[in-house]
Amino acid sequence: NWVLQLIGVTAPGWTTDSGWALVTVAGVTVWMVSGFNL
């Protein structure tokens, strides 16, 4: 959120906003599987 604030972007509610929560969980899963896939 701090980096986003530096560039003038308002951070969403990553895990509290219904529109962002699934994307956030998917992003964490991608982060987890990327090491093995790499």
Full PDB file with SEQRES, HELIX, SHEET, SSBOND, CRYST1, ORIGX, SCALE, CONECT and MASTER records, all heavy atoms in Angstrom:
SEQRES   1 A   38  ASN TRP VAL LEU GLN LEU ILE GLY VAL THR ALA PRO GLY          
SEQRES   2 A   38  TRP THR THR ASP SER GLY TRP ALA LEU VAL THR VAL ALA          
SEQRES   3 A   38  GLY VAL THR VAL TRP MET VAL SER GLY PHE ASN LEU              
HELIX    1 AA1 TRP A    2  LEU A    6  1                                   5    
HELIX    2 AA2 SER A   18  ASN A   37  1                                  20    
CRYST1    1.000    1.000    1.000  90.00  90.00  90.00 P 1           1          
ORIGX1      1.000000  0.000000  0.000000        0.00000                         
ORIGX2      0.000000  1.000000  0.000000        0.00000                         
ORIGX3      0.000000  0.000000  1.000000        0.00000                         
SCALE1      1.000000  0.000000  0.000000        0.00000                         
SCALE2      0.000000  1.000000  0.000000        0.00000                         
SCALE3      0.000000  0.000000  1.000000        0.00000                         
ATOM      1  N   ASN A   1       0.828  -1.214   0.000  1.00  0.00           N  
ATOM      2  CA  ASN A   1       0.000   0.000   0.000  1.00  0.00           C  
ATOM      3  C   ASN A   1       0.857   1.257   0.000  1.00  0.00           C  
ATOM      4  O   ASN A   1       0.491   2.276  -0.611  1.00  0.00           O  
ATOM      5  CB  ASN A   1      -0.926   0.000   1.218  1.00  0.00           C  
ATOM      6  CG  ASN A   1      -1.995  -1.072   1.128  1.00  0.00           C  
ATOM      7  OD1 ASN A   1      -2.051  -1.815   0.149  1.00  0.00           O  
ATOM      8  ND2 ASN A   1      -2.840  -1.159   2.134  1.00  0.00           N  
ATOM      9  N   TRP A   2       2.009   1.181   0.688  1.00  0.00           N  
ATOM     10  CA  TRP A   2       2.903   2.349   0.742  1.00  0.00           C  
ATOM     11  C   TRP A   2       3.454   2.677  -0.640  1.00  0.00           C  
ATOM     12  O   TRP A   2       3.503   3.838  -1.042  1.00  0.00           O  
ATOM     13  CB  TRP A   2       4.037   2.064   1.721  1.00  0.00           C  
ATOM     14  CG  TRP A   2       5.053   3.153   1.811  1.00  0.00           C  
ATOM     15  CD1 TRP A   2       4.908   4.377   2.396  1.00  0.00           C  
ATOM     16  CD2 TRP A   2       6.381   3.124   1.257  1.00  0.00           C  
ATOM     17  NE1 TRP A   2       6.061   5.119   2.264  1.00  0.00           N  
ATOM     18  CE2 TRP A   2       6.986   4.376   1.570  1.00  0.00           C  
ATOM     19  CE3 TRP A   2       7.121   2.186   0.565  1.00  0.00           C  
ATOM     20  CZ2 TRP A   2       8.290   4.689   1.186  1.00  0.00           C  
ATOM     21  CZ3 TRP A   2       8.413   2.484   0.194  1.00  0.00           C  
ATOM     22  CH2 TRP A   2       8.980   3.728   0.494  1.00  0.00           C  
ATOM     23  N   VAL A   3       3.854   1.634  -1.390  1.00  0.00           N  
ATOM     24  CA  VAL A   3       4.360   1.852  -2.746  1.00  0.00           C  
ATOM     25  C   VAL A   3       3.255   2.423  -3.639  1.00  0.00           C  
ATOM     26  O   VAL A   3       3.483   3.353  -4.423  1.00  0.00           O  
ATOM     27  CB  VAL A   3       4.911   0.539  -3.329  1.00  0.00           C  
ATOM     28  CG1 VAL A   3       5.251   0.712  -4.812  1.00  0.00           C  
ATOM     29  CG2 VAL A   3       6.144   0.091  -2.560  1.00  0.00           C  
ATOM     30  N   LEU A   4       2.053   1.879  -3.516  1.00  0.00           N  
ATOM     31  CA  LEU A   4       0.932   2.390  -4.311  1.00  0.00           C  
ATOM     32  C   LEU A   4       0.626   3.839  -3.971  1.00  0.00           C  
ATOM     33  O   LEU A   4       0.316   4.655  -4.848  1.00  0.00           O  
ATOM     34  CB  LEU A   4      -0.311   1.522  -4.079  1.00  0.00           C  
ATOM     35  CG  LEU A   4      -0.262   0.096  -4.630  1.00  0.00           C  
ATOM     36  CD1 LEU A   4      -1.521  -0.657  -4.253  1.00  0.00           C  
ATOM     37  CD2 LEU A   4      -0.080   0.106  -6.149  1.00  0.00           C  
ATOM     38  N   GLN A   5       0.741   4.170  -2.700  1.00  0.00           N  
ATOM     39  CA  GLN A   5       0.491   5.554  -2.278  1.00  0.00           C  
ATOM     40  C   GLN A   5       1.527   6.508  -2.867  1.00  0.00           C  
ATOM     41  O   GLN A   5       1.212   7.648  -3.222  1.00  0.00           O  
ATOM     42  CB  GLN A   5       0.502   5.632  -0.751  1.00  0.00           C  
ATOM     43  CG  GLN A   5       0.095   7.006  -0.203  1.00  0.00           C  
ATOM     44  CD  GLN A   5       0.071   7.018   1.314  1.00  0.00           C  
ATOM     45  OE1 GLN A   5       0.482   6.046   1.965  1.00  0.00           O  
ATOM     46  NE2 GLN A   5      -0.416   8.095   1.885  1.00  0.00           N  
ATOM     47  N   LEU A   6       2.766   6.043  -3.004  1.00  0.00           N  
ATOM     48  CA  LEU A   6       3.817   6.882  -3.572  1.00  0.00           C  
ATOM     49  C   LEU A   6       3.516   7.279  -5.010  1.00  0.00           C  
ATOM     50  O   LEU A   6       3.887   8.364  -5.467  1.00  0.00           O  
ATOM     51  CB  LEU A   6       5.169   6.166  -3.506  1.00  0.00           C  
ATOM     52  CG  LEU A   6       5.804   6.010  -2.122  1.00  0.00           C  
ATOM     53  CD1 LEU A   6       7.126   5.261  -2.234  1.00  0.00           C  
ATOM     54  CD2 LEU A   6       6.034   7.378  -1.478  1.00  0.00           C  
ATOM     55  N   ILE A   7       2.846   6.388  -5.745  1.00  0.00           N  
ATOM     56  CA  ILE A   7       2.537   6.680  -7.153  1.00  0.00           C  
ATOM     57  C   ILE A   7       1.109   7.191  -7.329  1.00  0.00           C  
ATOM     58  O   ILE A   7       0.598   7.279  -8.446  1.00  0.00           O  
ATOM     59  CB  ILE A   7       2.761   5.432  -8.033  1.00  0.00           C  
ATOM     60  CG1 ILE A   7       1.872   4.272  -7.587  1.00  0.00           C  
ATOM     61  CG2 ILE A   7       4.222   5.015  -8.001  1.00  0.00           C  
ATOM     62  CD1 ILE A   7       1.991   3.026  -8.459  1.00  0.00           C  
ATOM     63  N   GLY A   8       0.466   7.511  -6.207  1.00  0.00           N  
ATOM     64  CA  GLY A   8      -0.851   8.130  -6.280  1.00  0.00           C  
ATOM     65  C   GLY A   8      -2.011   7.190  -6.494  1.00  0.00           C  
ATOM     66  O   GLY A   8      -3.067   7.611  -6.985  1.00  0.00           O  
ATOM     67  N   VAL A   9      -1.843   5.923  -6.139  1.00  0.00           N  
ATOM     68  CA  VAL A   9      -2.910   4.935  -6.312  1.00  0.00           C  
ATOM     69  C   VAL A   9      -3.467   4.559  -4.943  1.00  0.00           C  
ATOM     70  O   VAL A   9      -2.707   4.253  -4.018  1.00  0.00           O  
ATOM     71  CB  VAL A   9      -2.383   3.673  -7.033  1.00  0.00           C  
ATOM     72  CG1 VAL A   9      -3.490   2.621  -7.135  1.00  0.00           C  
ATOM     73  CG2 VAL A   9      -1.861   4.034  -8.413  1.00  0.00           C  
ATOM     74  N   THR A  10      -4.781   4.596  -4.827  1.00  0.00           N  
ATOM     75  CA  THR A  10      -5.428   4.219  -3.573  1.00  0.00           C  
ATOM     76  C   THR A  10      -5.538   2.704  -3.502  1.00  0.00           C  
ATOM     77  O   THR A  10      -6.109   2.065  -4.389  1.00  0.00           O  
ATOM     78  CB  THR A  10      -6.837   4.830  -3.467  1.00  0.00           C  
ATOM     79  OG1 THR A  10      -6.734   6.251  -3.564  1.00  0.00           O  
ATOM     80  CG2 THR A  10      -7.493   4.464  -2.149  1.00  0.00           C  
ATOM     81  N   ALA A  11      -4.982   2.136  -2.457  1.00  0.00           N  
ATOM     82  CA  ALA A  11      -4.991   0.674  -2.314  1.00  0.00           C  
ATOM     83  C   ALA A  11      -6.393   0.179  -1.979  1.00  0.00           C  
ATOM     84  O   ALA A  11      -7.111   0.798  -1.183  1.00  0.00           O  
ATOM     85  CB  ALA A  11      -4.023   0.257  -1.214  1.00  0.00           C  
ATOM     86  N   PRO A  12      -6.819  -0.903  -2.593  1.00  0.00           N  
ATOM     87  CA  PRO A  12      -8.136  -1.464  -2.276  1.00  0.00           C  
ATOM     88  C   PRO A  12      -8.092  -2.268  -0.986  1.00  0.00           C  
ATOM     89  O   PRO A  12      -7.027  -2.467  -0.395  1.00  0.00           O  
ATOM     90  CB  PRO A  12      -8.410  -2.380  -3.486  1.00  0.00           C  
ATOM     91  CG  PRO A  12      -7.045  -2.831  -3.902  1.00  0.00           C  
ATOM     92  CD  PRO A  12      -6.118  -1.667  -3.637  1.00  0.00           C  
ATOM     93  N   GLY A  13      -9.241  -2.724  -0.556  1.00  0.00           N  
ATOM     94  CA  GLY A  13      -9.292  -3.642   0.581  1.00  0.00           C  
ATOM     95  C   GLY A  13      -8.966  -5.036   0.079  1.00  0.00           C  
ATOM     96  O   GLY A  13      -9.859  -5.748  -0.383  1.00  0.00           O  
ATOM     97  N   TRP A  14      -7.701  -5.385   0.155  1.00  0.00           N  
ATOM     98  CA  TRP A  14      -7.234  -6.611  -0.494  1.00  0.00           C  
ATOM     99  C   TRP A  14      -8.018  -7.840  -0.065  1.00  0.00           C  
ATOM    100  O   TRP A  14      -8.358  -8.693  -0.903  1.00  0.00           O  
ATOM    101  CB  TRP A  14      -5.754  -6.825  -0.195  1.00  0.00           C  
ATOM    102  CG  TRP A  14      -4.869  -5.744  -0.710  1.00  0.00           C  
ATOM    103  CD1 TRP A  14      -4.230  -4.775   0.029  1.00  0.00           C  
ATOM    104  CD2 TRP A  14      -4.507  -5.481  -2.076  1.00  0.00           C  
ATOM    105  NE1 TRP A  14      -3.502  -3.948  -0.784  1.00  0.00           N  
ATOM    106  CE2 TRP A  14      -3.643  -4.351  -2.082  1.00  0.00           C  
ATOM    107  CE3 TRP A  14      -4.830  -6.101  -3.279  1.00  0.00           C  
ATOM    108  CZ2 TRP A  14      -3.109  -3.828  -3.241  1.00  0.00           C  
ATOM    109  CZ3 TRP A  14      -4.287  -5.586  -4.457  1.00  0.00           C  
ATOM    110  CH2 TRP A  14      -3.437  -4.460  -4.439  1.00  0.00           C  
ATOM    111  N   THR A  15      -8.295  -7.961   1.232  1.00  0.00           N  
ATOM    112  CA  THR A  15      -8.997  -9.154   1.728  1.00  0.00           C  
ATOM    113  C   THR A  15     -10.379  -8.838   2.275  1.00  0.00           C  
ATOM    114  O   THR A  15     -11.100  -9.752   2.687  1.00  0.00           O  
ATOM    115  CB  THR A  15      -8.175  -9.834   2.838  1.00  0.00           C  
ATOM    116  OG1 THR A  15      -7.936  -8.890   3.893  1.00  0.00           O  
ATOM    117  CG2 THR A  15      -6.847 -10.337   2.299  1.00  0.00           C  
ATOM    118  N   THR A  16     -10.777  -7.568   2.250  1.00  0.00           N  
ATOM    119  CA  THR A  16     -12.082  -7.190   2.800  1.00  0.00           C  
ATOM    120  C   THR A  16     -13.058  -6.733   1.728  1.00  0.00           C  
ATOM    121  O   THR A  16     -14.249  -6.615   1.989  1.00  0.00           O  
ATOM    122  CB  THR A  16     -11.917  -6.052   3.827  1.00  0.00           C  
ATOM    123  OG1 THR A  16     -11.248  -4.935   3.216  1.00  0.00           O  
ATOM    124  CG2 THR A  16     -11.087  -6.515   5.016  1.00  0.00           C  
ATOM    125  N   ASP A  17     -12.573  -6.466   0.541  1.00  0.00           N  
ATOM    126  CA  ASP A  17     -13.417  -6.063  -0.581  1.00  0.00           C  
ATOM    127  C   ASP A  17     -13.790  -7.307  -1.393  1.00  0.00           C  
ATOM    128  O   ASP A  17     -12.922  -8.048  -1.842  1.00  0.00           O  
ATOM    129  CB  ASP A  17     -12.669  -5.055  -1.456  1.00  0.00           C  
ATOM    130  CG  ASP A  17     -13.542  -4.448  -2.544  1.00  0.00           C  
ATOM    131  OD1 ASP A  17     -14.513  -5.109  -2.957  1.00  0.00           O  
ATOM    132  OD2 ASP A  17     -13.263  -3.321  -2.983  1.00  0.00           O  
ATOM    133  N   SER A  18     -15.088  -7.515  -1.589  1.00  0.00           N  
ATOM    134  CA  SER A  18     -15.545  -8.714  -2.306  1.00  0.00           C  
ATOM    135  C   SER A  18     -14.993  -8.791  -3.723  1.00  0.00           C  
ATOM    136  O   SER A  18     -14.797  -9.883  -4.259  1.00  0.00           O  
ATOM    137  CB  SER A  18     -17.082  -8.736  -2.355  1.00  0.00           C  
ATOM    138  OG  SER A  18     -17.621  -8.807  -1.058  1.00  0.00           O  
ATOM    139  N   GLY A  19     -14.748  -7.632  -4.326  1.00  0.00           N  
ATOM    140  CA  GLY A  19     -14.234  -7.640  -5.691  1.00  0.00           C  
ATOM    141  C   GLY A  19     -12.752  -7.947  -5.787  1.00  0.00           C  
ATOM    142  O   GLY A  19     -12.261  -8.302  -6.868  1.00  0.00           O  
ATOM    143  N   TRP A  20     -12.032  -7.813  -4.677  1.00  0.00           N  
ATOM    144  CA  TRP A  20     -10.586  -8.017  -4.692  1.00  0.00           C  
ATOM    145  C   TRP A  20     -10.135  -9.259  -3.933  1.00  0.00           C  
ATOM    146  O   TRP A  20      -9.018  -9.749  -4.141  1.00  0.00           O  
ATOM    147  CB  TRP A  20      -9.877  -6.798  -4.084  1.00  0.00           C  
ATOM    148  CG  TRP A  20      -9.717  -5.672  -5.032  1.00  0.00           C  
ATOM    149  CD1 TRP A  20     -10.527  -4.583  -5.175  1.00  0.00           C  
ATOM    150  CD2 TRP A  20      -8.685  -5.512  -6.006  1.00  0.00           C  
ATOM    151  NE1 TRP A  20     -10.073  -3.764  -6.167  1.00  0.00           N  
ATOM    152  CE2 TRP A  20      -8.938  -4.312  -6.699  1.00  0.00           C  
ATOM    153  CE3 TRP A  20      -7.575  -6.270  -6.359  1.00  0.00           C  
ATOM    154  CZ2 TRP A  20      -8.115  -3.845  -7.721  1.00  0.00           C  
ATOM    155  CZ3 TRP A  20      -6.750  -5.827  -7.381  1.00  0.00           C  
ATOM    156  CH2 TRP A  20      -7.029  -4.624  -8.050  1.00  0.00           C  
ATOM    157  N   ALA A  21     -10.958  -9.783  -3.051  1.00  0.00           N  
ATOM    158  CA  ALA A  21     -10.521 -10.868  -2.168  1.00  0.00           C  
ATOM    159  C   ALA A  21     -10.094 -12.109  -2.944  1.00  0.00           C  
ATOM    160  O   ALA A  21      -9.030 -12.685  -2.669  1.00  0.00           O  
ATOM    161  CB  ALA A  21     -11.640 -11.217  -1.187  1.00  0.00           C  
ATOM    162  N   LEU A  22     -10.896 -12.533  -3.923  1.00  0.00           N  
ATOM    163  CA  LEU A  22     -10.548 -13.733  -4.684  1.00  0.00           C  
ATOM    164  C   LEU A  22      -9.283 -13.515  -5.502  1.00  0.00           C  
ATOM    165  O   LEU A  22      -8.443 -14.416  -5.619  1.00  0.00           O  
ATOM    166  CB  LEU A  22     -11.709 -14.129  -5.596  1.00  0.00           C  
ATOM    167  CG  LEU A  22     -11.578 -15.502  -6.273  1.00  0.00           C  
ATOM    168  CD1 LEU A  22     -11.588 -16.613  -5.226  1.00  0.00           C  
ATOM    169  CD2 LEU A  22     -12.688 -15.723  -7.293  1.00  0.00           C  
ATOM    170  N   VAL A  23      -9.124 -12.314  -6.060  1.00  0.00           N  
ATOM    171  CA  VAL A  23      -7.923 -11.989  -6.832  1.00  0.00           C  
ATOM    172  C   VAL A  23      -6.695 -12.029  -5.919  1.00  0.00           C  
ATOM    173  O   VAL A  23      -5.631 -12.524  -6.313  1.00  0.00           O  
ATOM    174  CB  VAL A  23      -8.061 -10.609  -7.498  1.00  0.00           C  
ATOM    175  CG1 VAL A  23      -6.780 -10.236  -8.237  1.00  0.00           C  
ATOM    176  CG2 VAL A  23      -9.243 -10.595  -8.453  1.00  0.00           C  
ATOM    177  N   THR A  24      -6.855 -11.525  -4.699  1.00  0.00           N  
ATOM    178  CA  THR A  24      -5.747 -11.521  -3.745  1.00  0.00           C  
ATOM    179  C   THR A  24      -5.324 -12.939  -3.374  1.00  0.00           C  
ATOM    180  O   THR A  24      -4.134 -13.278  -3.379  1.00  0.00           O  
ATOM    181  CB  THR A  24      -6.134 -10.748  -2.480  1.00  0.00           C  
ATOM    182  OG1 THR A  24      -6.500  -9.413  -2.827  1.00  0.00           O  
ATOM    183  CG2 THR A  24      -4.991 -10.714  -1.486  1.00  0.00           C  
ATOM    184  N   VAL A  25      -6.296 -13.782  -3.072  1.00  0.00           N  
ATOM    185  CA  VAL A  25      -5.992 -15.176  -2.719  1.00  0.00           C  
ATOM    186  C   VAL A  25      -5.360 -15.898  -3.908  1.00  0.00           C  
ATOM    187  O   VAL A  25      -4.405 -16.674  -3.750  1.00  0.00           O  
ATOM    188  CB  VAL A  25      -7.268 -15.896  -2.248  1.00  0.00           C  
ATOM    189  CG1 VAL A  25      -6.978 -17.375  -2.001  1.00  0.00           C  
ATOM    190  CG2 VAL A  25      -7.809 -15.250  -0.981  1.00  0.00           C  
ATOM    191  N   ALA A  26      -5.868 -15.623  -5.105  1.00  0.00           N  
ATOM    192  CA  ALA A  26      -5.276 -16.225  -6.309  1.00  0.00           C  
ATOM    193  C   ALA A  26      -3.843 -15.750  -6.500  1.00  0.00           C  
ATOM    194  O   ALA A  26      -2.963 -16.528  -6.883  1.00  0.00           O  
ATOM    195  CB  ALA A  26      -6.119 -15.885  -7.534  1.00  0.00           C  
ATOM    196  N   GLY A  27      -3.595 -14.463  -6.239  1.00  0.00           N  
ATOM    197  CA  GLY A  27      -2.246 -13.924  -6.377  1.00  0.00           C  
ATOM    198  C   GLY A  27      -1.262 -14.581  -5.427  1.00  0.00           C  
ATOM    199  O   GLY A  27      -0.114 -14.877  -5.810  1.00  0.00           O  
ATOM    200  N   VAL A  28      -1.689 -14.828  -4.200  1.00  0.00           N  
ATOM    201  CA  VAL A  28      -0.827 -15.506  -3.233  1.00  0.00           C  
ATOM    202  C   VAL A  28      -0.553 -16.948  -3.688  1.00  0.00           C  
ATOM    203  O   VAL A  28       0.569 -17.455  -3.561  1.00  0.00           O  
ATOM    204  CB  VAL A  28      -1.475 -15.500  -1.833  1.00  0.00           C  
ATOM    205  CG1 VAL A  28      -0.675 -16.357  -0.856  1.00  0.00           C  
ATOM    206  CG2 VAL A  28      -1.578 -14.067  -1.311  1.00  0.00           C  
ATOM    207  N   THR A  29      -1.567 -17.602  -4.240  1.00  0.00           N  
ATOM    208  CA  THR A  29      -1.384 -18.962  -4.743  1.00  0.00           C  
ATOM    209  C   THR A  29      -0.404 -18.978  -5.913  1.00  0.00           C  
ATOM    210  O   THR A  29       0.437 -19.875  -6.020  1.00  0.00           O  
ATOM    211  CB  THR A  29      -2.736 -19.561  -5.170  1.00  0.00           C  
ATOM    212  OG1 THR A  29      -3.684 -19.424  -4.093  1.00  0.00           O  
ATOM    213  CG2 THR A  29      -2.595 -21.029  -5.532  1.00  0.00           C  
ATOM    214  N   VAL A  30      -0.508 -17.991  -6.787  1.00  0.00           N  
ATOM    215  CA  VAL A  30       0.440 -17.873  -7.901  1.00  0.00           C  
ATOM    216  C   VAL A  30       1.855 -17.695  -7.371  1.00  0.00           C  
ATOM    217  O   VAL A  30       2.805 -18.317  -7.868  1.00  0.00           O  
ATOM    218  CB  VAL A  30       0.053 -16.687  -8.814  1.00  0.00           C  
ATOM    219  CG1 VAL A  30       1.170 -16.386  -9.817  1.00  0.00           C  
ATOM    220  CG2 VAL A  30      -1.244 -16.986  -9.550  1.00  0.00           C  
ATOM    221  N   TRP A  31       2.003 -16.856  -6.373  1.00  0.00           N  
ATOM    222  CA  TRP A  31       3.321 -16.633  -5.762  1.00  0.00           C  
ATOM    223  C   TRP A  31       3.884 -17.937  -5.211  1.00  0.00           C  
ATOM    224  O   TRP A  31       5.091 -18.201  -5.313  1.00  0.00           O  
ATOM    225  CB  TRP A  31       3.180 -15.599  -4.649  1.00  0.00           C  
ATOM    226  CG  TRP A  31       4.448 -15.246  -3.960  1.00  0.00           C  
ATOM    227  CD1 TRP A  31       5.433 -14.408  -4.399  1.00  0.00           C  
ATOM    228  CD2 TRP A  31       4.873 -15.704  -2.661  1.00  0.00           C  
ATOM    229  NE1 TRP A  31       6.437 -14.320  -3.462  1.00  0.00           N  
ATOM    230  CE2 TRP A  31       6.127 -15.095  -2.394  1.00  0.00           C  
ATOM    231  CE3 TRP A  31       4.316 -16.554  -1.711  1.00  0.00           C  
ATOM    232  CZ2 TRP A  31       6.823 -15.327  -1.222  1.00  0.00           C  
ATOM    233  CZ3 TRP A  31       5.012 -16.785  -0.526  1.00  0.00           C  
ATOM    234  CH2 TRP A  31       6.253 -16.170  -0.298  1.00  0.00           C  
ATOM    235  N   MET A  32       3.002 -18.778  -4.649  1.00  0.00           N  
ATOM    236  CA  MET A  32       3.453 -20.042  -4.062  1.00  0.00           C  
ATOM    237  C   MET A  32       3.891 -21.052  -5.128  1.00  0.00           C  
ATOM    238  O   MET A  32       4.890 -21.743  -4.959  1.00  0.00           O  
ATOM    239  CB  MET A  32       2.337 -20.645  -3.202  1.00  0.00           C  
ATOM    240  CG  MET A  32       2.042 -19.881  -1.927  1.00  0.00           C  
ATOM    241  SD  MET A  32       0.591 -20.559  -1.095  1.00  0.00           S  
ATOM    242  CE  MET A  32       1.056 -22.278  -0.914  1.00  0.00           C  
ATOM    243  N   VAL A  33       3.121 -21.157  -6.220  1.00  0.00           N  
ATOM    244  CA  VAL A  33       3.424 -22.190  -7.228  1.00  0.00           C  
ATOM    245  C   VAL A  33       4.514 -21.756  -8.199  1.00  0.00           C  
ATOM    246  O   VAL A  33       5.103 -22.602  -8.891  1.00  0.00           O  
ATOM    247  CB  VAL A  33       2.156 -22.579  -8.025  1.00  0.00           C  
ATOM    248  CG1 VAL A  33       1.080 -23.088  -7.092  1.00  0.00           C  
ATOM    249  CG2 VAL A  33       1.641 -21.417  -8.866  1.00  0.00           C  
ATOM    250  N   SER A  34       4.790 -20.462  -8.263  1.00  0.00           N  
ATOM    251  CA  SER A  34       5.749 -19.973  -9.262  1.00  0.00           C  
ATOM    252  C   SER A  34       7.156 -20.519  -9.052  1.00  0.00           C  
ATOM    253  O   SER A  34       7.880 -20.761 -10.023  1.00  0.00           O  
ATOM    254  CB  SER A  34       5.780 -18.438  -9.249  1.00  0.00           C  
ATOM    255  OG  SER A  34       4.566 -17.913  -9.730  1.00  0.00           O  
ATOM    256  N   GLY A  35       7.554 -20.728  -7.802  1.00  0.00           N  
ATOM    257  CA  GLY A  35       8.897 -21.231  -7.536  1.00  0.00           C  
ATOM    258  C   GLY A  35       9.116 -22.615  -8.122  1.00  0.00           C  
ATOM    259  O   GLY A  35      10.110 -22.858  -8.813  1.00  0.00           O  
ATOM    260  N   PHE A  36       8.175 -23.520  -7.871  1.00  0.00           N  
ATOM    261  CA  PHE A  36       8.289 -24.876  -8.413  1.00  0.00           C  
ATOM    262  C   PHE A  36       8.209 -24.861  -9.931  1.00  0.00           C  
ATOM    263  O   PHE A  36       8.995 -25.534 -10.620  1.00  0.00           O  
ATOM    264  CB  PHE A  36       7.170 -25.753  -7.839  1.00  0.00           C  
ATOM    265  CG  PHE A  36       7.129 -27.139  -8.421  1.00  0.00           C  
ATOM    266  CD1 PHE A  36       8.072 -28.080  -8.055  1.00  0.00           C  
ATOM    267  CD2 PHE A  36       6.148 -27.491  -9.339  1.00  0.00           C  
ATOM    268  CE1 PHE A  36       8.043 -29.367  -8.587  1.00  0.00           C  
ATOM    269  CE2 PHE A  36       6.114 -28.766  -9.883  1.00  0.00           C  
ATOM    270  CZ  PHE A  36       7.055 -29.704  -9.506  1.00  0.00           C  
ATOM    271  N   ASN A  37       7.265 -24.095 -10.473  1.00  0.00           N  
ATOM    272  CA  ASN A  37       7.119 -24.026 -11.933  1.00  0.00           C  
ATOM    273  C   ASN A  37       8.365 -23.456 -12.589  1.00  0.00           C  
ATOM    274  O   ASN A  37       8.755 -23.878 -13.681  1.00  0.00           O  
ATOM    275  CB  ASN A  37       5.896 -23.184 -12.294  1.00  0.00           C  
ATOM    276  CG  ASN A  37       4.596 -23.862 -11.897  1.00  0.00           C  
ATOM    277  OD1 ASN A  37       4.591 -25.022 -11.494  1.00  0.00           O  
ATOM    278  ND2 ASN A  37       3.490 -23.158 -12.015  1.00  0.00           N  
ATOM    279  N   LEU A  38       8.985 -22.502 -11.921  1.00  0.00           N  
ATOM    280  CA  LEU A  38      10.217 -21.920 -12.457  1.00  0.00           C  
ATOM    281  C   LEU A  38      11.326 -22.962 -12.521  1.00  0.00           C  
ATOM    282  O   LEU A  38      12.079 -23.030 -13.506  1.00  0.00           O  
ATOM    283  CB  LEU A  38      10.648 -20.732 -11.594  1.00  0.00           C  
ATOM    284  CG  LEU A  38      11.950 -20.031 -11.984  1.00  0.00           C  
ATOM    285  CD1 LEU A  38      11.858 -19.460 -13.398  1.00  0.00           C  
ATOM    286  CD2 LEU A  38      12.280 -18.916 -10.988  1.00  0.00           C  
TER     287      LEU A  38                                                      
MASTER        0    0    0    2    0    0    0    6  286    1    0    3          
END                                                                             
